[in-house]
Amino acid sequence: MKRLAHSIVLLSLVLTACGSSGTASTCAAYWFDTVGACLPDGWVSLDRVALDERGAPEDVVVAFQMKDAVAGQFPTVTVTQEPLANPVTPASYSDATIRSVSILPGYKLVDKKSTKIDDVSLSVHIFLAQPVPGEPQRRFYQVSTTKEKTGYTVTATTPVSVPATLDADVIKILGSVTFVVPVTSSAPTK
């Protein structure tokens, strides 16, 4: 779990920049290796090559980022994975990741919302933290689950104050995440 907090700190540094804009509400199916999601208009995927160029940790499988910045930051959703020594229930893993980030500097619980990932009910943990001294405090949306002996954490990073459309987009992405390979070849991939 320390790896998770470490990844959040690094991604806060790697995936922010300047600009300003809003977001849209339709989405397109996306599949990359072991993870799928529905990306709203205005969001792009960052594959492993792009992540390597930005210095992202190896446990980041894929990231999604808004094309336009909001309040000087590019909202980003990352999917991390970690091997587990033994199978862990999705709920137990989710609880453990919530505990692991609660020690971040400036941590403050904002909200918890329910979502389902692959038919498993989980909590979206929404919190504020300032993991990097000198960097602005950020809002994080996080949901964690397991599949067999792998733990996955999906974390969105946004400015502290978000427009309702951005909040809806982030919740839509987190709620659409899947680790089940698409059955048909007609599912769009990017």
Protein backbone atom coordinates (compact mmCIF):
# COMPACT_ATOMS: atom_id res chain seq x y z
CA MET A 1 0.00 0.00 0.00
CA LYS A 2 2.97 2.35 0.47
CA ARG A 3 3.54 1.85 -3.27
CA LEU A 4 0.10 3.35 -3.89
CA ALA A 5 0.78 6.50 -1.89
CA HIS A 6 4.18 6.78 -3.61
CA SER A 7 2.50 6.45 -7.03
CA ILE A 8 0.01 9.20 -6.17
CA VAL A 9 2.85 11.55 -5.26
CA LEU A 10 4.74 10.82 -8.48
CA LEU A 11 1.65 11.10 -10.66
CA SER A 12 0.73 14.40 -9.07
CA LEU A 13 4.07 15.73 -10.31
CA VAL A 14 4.14 13.98 -13.67
CA LEU A 15 0.63 14.60 -14.92
CA THR A 16 -0.06 18.27 -14.17
CA ALA A 17 0.38 21.32 -16.39
CA CYS A 18 -1.22 24.69 -17.29
CA GLY A 19 -4.34 25.76 -19.22
CA SER A 20 -8.13 26.13 -18.81
CA SER A 21 -11.36 24.54 -20.05
CA GLY A 22 -14.40 22.37 -19.25
CA THR A 23 -15.51 18.89 -20.30
CA ALA A 24 -18.25 17.05 -22.24
CA SER A 25 -20.65 14.21 -21.40
CA THR A 26 -20.63 11.50 -24.11
CA CYS A 27 -18.10 8.68 -24.03
CA ALA A 28 -16.40 6.03 -26.15
CA ALA A 29 -15.35 2.51 -25.18
CA TYR A 30 -11.63 2.02 -24.61
CA TRP A 31 -9.66 -1.19 -24.03
CA PHE A 32 -5.95 -1.44 -23.27
CA ASP A 33 -4.29 -4.75 -22.40
CA THR A 34 -6.09 -5.63 -19.13
CA VAL A 35 -8.36 -2.64 -18.51
CA GLY A 36 -11.33 -1.06 -20.22
CA ALA A 37 -13.29 2.12 -19.59
CA CYS A 38 -15.67 4.56 -21.18
CA LEU A 39 -13.86 7.83 -21.94
CA PRO A 40 -15.95 11.00 -22.14
CA ASP A 41 -15.39 13.46 -24.98
CA GLY A 42 -12.28 15.52 -24.37
CA TRP A 43 -10.33 12.69 -22.69
CA VAL A 44 -7.38 10.81 -24.22
CA SER A 45 -5.48 7.72 -23.17
CA LEU A 46 -1.82 7.71 -22.20
CA ASP A 47 -0.37 4.27 -22.90
CA ARG A 48 2.73 2.79 -21.29
CA VAL A 49 5.06 4.49 -23.80
CA ALA A 50 3.64 7.94 -22.99
CA LEU A 51 3.75 7.15 -19.28
CA ASP A 52 7.40 6.08 -19.52
CA GLU A 53 8.23 9.36 -21.27
CA ARG A 54 6.65 11.23 -18.33
CA GLY A 55 8.46 9.15 -15.70
CA ALA A 56 5.35 7.40 -14.36
CA PRO A 57 5.90 4.45 -12.00
CA GLU A 58 5.90 0.95 -13.52
CA ASP A 59 2.76 -0.05 -11.60
CA VAL A 60 0.70 2.40 -13.71
CA VAL A 61 -0.96 0.32 -16.43
CA VAL A 62 -2.67 3.14 -18.29
CA ALA A 63 -3.80 6.70 -17.69
CA PHE A 64 -6.55 8.87 -19.13
CA GLN A 65 -6.20 12.63 -19.27
CA MET A 66 -8.37 15.56 -20.29
CA LYS A 67 -7.13 17.31 -23.42
CA ASP A 68 -7.78 20.69 -21.78
CA ALA A 69 -6.66 21.89 -18.38
CA VAL A 70 -8.96 22.96 -15.56
CA ALA A 71 -7.66 25.59 -13.12
CA GLY A 72 -4.14 25.10 -14.48
CA GLN A 73 -4.15 21.29 -14.07
CA PHE A 74 -4.90 18.45 -16.46
CA PRO A 75 -7.37 16.12 -14.73
CA THR A 76 -5.97 12.59 -14.98
CA VAL A 77 -7.21 9.09 -14.19
CA THR A 78 -4.59 6.40 -13.62
CA VAL A 79 -4.95 2.67 -13.25
CA THR A 80 -2.29 0.97 -11.15
CA GLN A 81 -1.82 -2.71 -10.53
CA GLU A 82 0.12 -4.67 -7.96
CA PRO A 83 0.65 -8.40 -7.54
CA LEU A 84 -0.82 -9.83 -4.36
CA ALA A 85 0.76 -12.68 -2.41
CA ASN A 86 -2.69 -14.18 -1.80
CA PRO A 87 -6.16 -13.54 -3.17
CA VAL A 88 -7.89 -10.63 -1.39
CA THR A 89 -11.56 -9.69 -1.65
CA PRO A 90 -12.27 -6.48 -3.57
CA ALA A 91 -13.85 -4.91 -0.46
CA SER A 92 -10.84 -5.71 1.74
CA TYR A 93 -8.43 -4.35 -0.84
CA SER A 94 -10.54 -1.20 -1.22
CA ASP A 95 -10.55 -0.65 2.55
CA ALA A 96 -6.77 -1.13 2.69
CA THR A 97 -6.12 1.44 -0.05
CA ILE A 98 -8.37 3.95 1.70
CA ARG A 99 -6.35 3.49 4.90
CA SER A 100 -3.07 3.83 2.99
CA VAL A 101 -3.91 7.24 1.50
CA SER A 102 -5.42 8.61 4.71
CA ILE A 103 -1.87 9.33 5.93
CA LEU A 104 -1.06 11.68 3.02
CA PRO A 105 -0.27 15.29 4.00
CA GLY A 106 -3.39 17.45 4.04
CA TYR A 107 -5.70 14.41 3.79
CA LYS A 108 -9.39 15.26 4.21
CA LEU A 109 -12.30 12.98 3.34
CA VAL A 110 -14.72 14.75 0.99
CA ASP A 111 -17.24 12.03 0.12
CA LYS A 112 -17.82 8.36 -0.62
CA LYS A 113 -20.00 7.25 -3.51
CA SER A 114 -21.02 3.77 -4.60
CA THR A 115 -20.07 2.25 -7.92
CA LYS A 116 -19.75 -1.18 -9.46
CA ILE A 117 -16.71 -2.62 -11.17
CA ASP A 118 -17.40 -5.91 -12.93
CA ASP A 119 -20.60 -6.36 -10.88
CA VAL A 120 -18.83 -5.84 -7.54
CA SER A 121 -20.15 -2.95 -5.41
CA LEU A 122 -17.32 -0.69 -4.24
CA SER A 123 -16.83 2.78 -2.77
CA VAL A 124 -15.41 5.69 -4.70
CA HIS A 125 -13.31 7.42 -2.05
CA ILE A 126 -13.12 11.18 -2.70
CA PHE A 127 -10.54 13.10 -0.71
CA LEU A 128 -8.25 16.12 -0.68
CA ALA A 129 -4.50 15.83 -0.15
CA GLN A 130 -1.29 17.69 -0.81
CA PRO A 131 1.18 14.82 -1.34
CA VAL A 132 3.95 17.05 -2.69
CA PRO A 133 5.12 20.02 -0.58
CA GLY A 134 5.01 23.22 -2.60
CA GLU A 135 2.47 21.79 -5.06
CA PRO A 136 -1.22 22.71 -4.80
CA GLN A 137 -3.63 20.59 -2.82
CA ARG A 138 -5.63 18.31 -5.11
CA ARG A 139 -8.89 16.38 -5.14
CA PHE A 140 -8.59 12.62 -5.61
CA TYR A 141 -11.28 10.13 -6.59
CA GLN A 142 -10.22 6.56 -5.94
CA VAL A 143 -11.69 3.08 -6.27
CA SER A 144 -9.79 -0.17 -5.75
CA THR A 145 -10.58 -3.78 -6.54
CA THR A 146 -8.94 -7.14 -7.15
CA LYS A 147 -8.98 -9.74 -9.86
CA GLU A 148 -7.47 -13.06 -8.88
CA LYS A 149 -4.06 -12.24 -7.35
CA THR A 150 -3.80 -8.69 -8.70
CA GLY A 151 -4.90 -5.49 -7.00
CA TYR A 152 -6.05 -2.55 -9.12
CA THR A 153 -6.52 1.05 -8.03
CA VAL A 154 -8.14 3.67 -10.25
CA THR A 155 -7.28 7.20 -9.12
CA ALA A 156 -8.46 10.48 -10.61
CA THR A 157 -6.57 13.66 -9.80
CA THR A 158 -8.27 17.04 -10.28
CA PRO A 159 -8.08 20.57 -8.89
CA VAL A 160 -9.71 20.97 -5.45
CA SER A 161 -12.79 22.70 -6.90
CA VAL A 162 -14.29 20.97 -9.91
CA PRO A 163 -17.16 21.92 -12.20
CA ALA A 164 -20.14 19.55 -12.03
CA THR A 165 -19.39 18.33 -15.57
CA LEU A 166 -15.85 17.27 -14.61
CA ASP A 167 -17.12 15.56 -11.47
CA ALA A 168 -19.66 13.66 -13.59
CA ASP A 169 -16.99 12.68 -16.14
CA VAL A 170 -14.66 11.34 -13.46
CA ILE A 171 -17.43 9.35 -11.78
CA LYS A 172 -18.46 8.03 -15.22
CA ILE A 173 -14.90 6.85 -15.97
CA LEU A 174 -14.44 5.21 -12.57
CA GLY A 175 -17.84 3.52 -12.82
CA SER A 176 -17.13 2.20 -16.30
CA VAL A 177 -13.78 0.55 -15.51
CA THR A 178 -13.67 -3.15 -16.30
CA PHE A 179 -11.07 -5.89 -16.19
CA VAL A 180 -13.19 -8.27 -18.27
CA VAL A 181 -11.93 -8.64 -21.84
CA PRO A 182 -14.55 -7.54 -24.38
CA VAL A 183 -16.34 -10.53 -25.91
CA THR A 184 -16.87 -9.09 -29.37
CA SER A 185 -14.34 -7.63 -31.74
CA SER A 186 -16.77 -4.76 -32.40
CA ALA A 187 -15.81 -3.09 -29.10
CA PRO A 188 -13.78 0.00 -30.01
CA THR A 189 -10.20 0.00 -28.79
CA LYS A 190 -7.63 2.73 -28.80
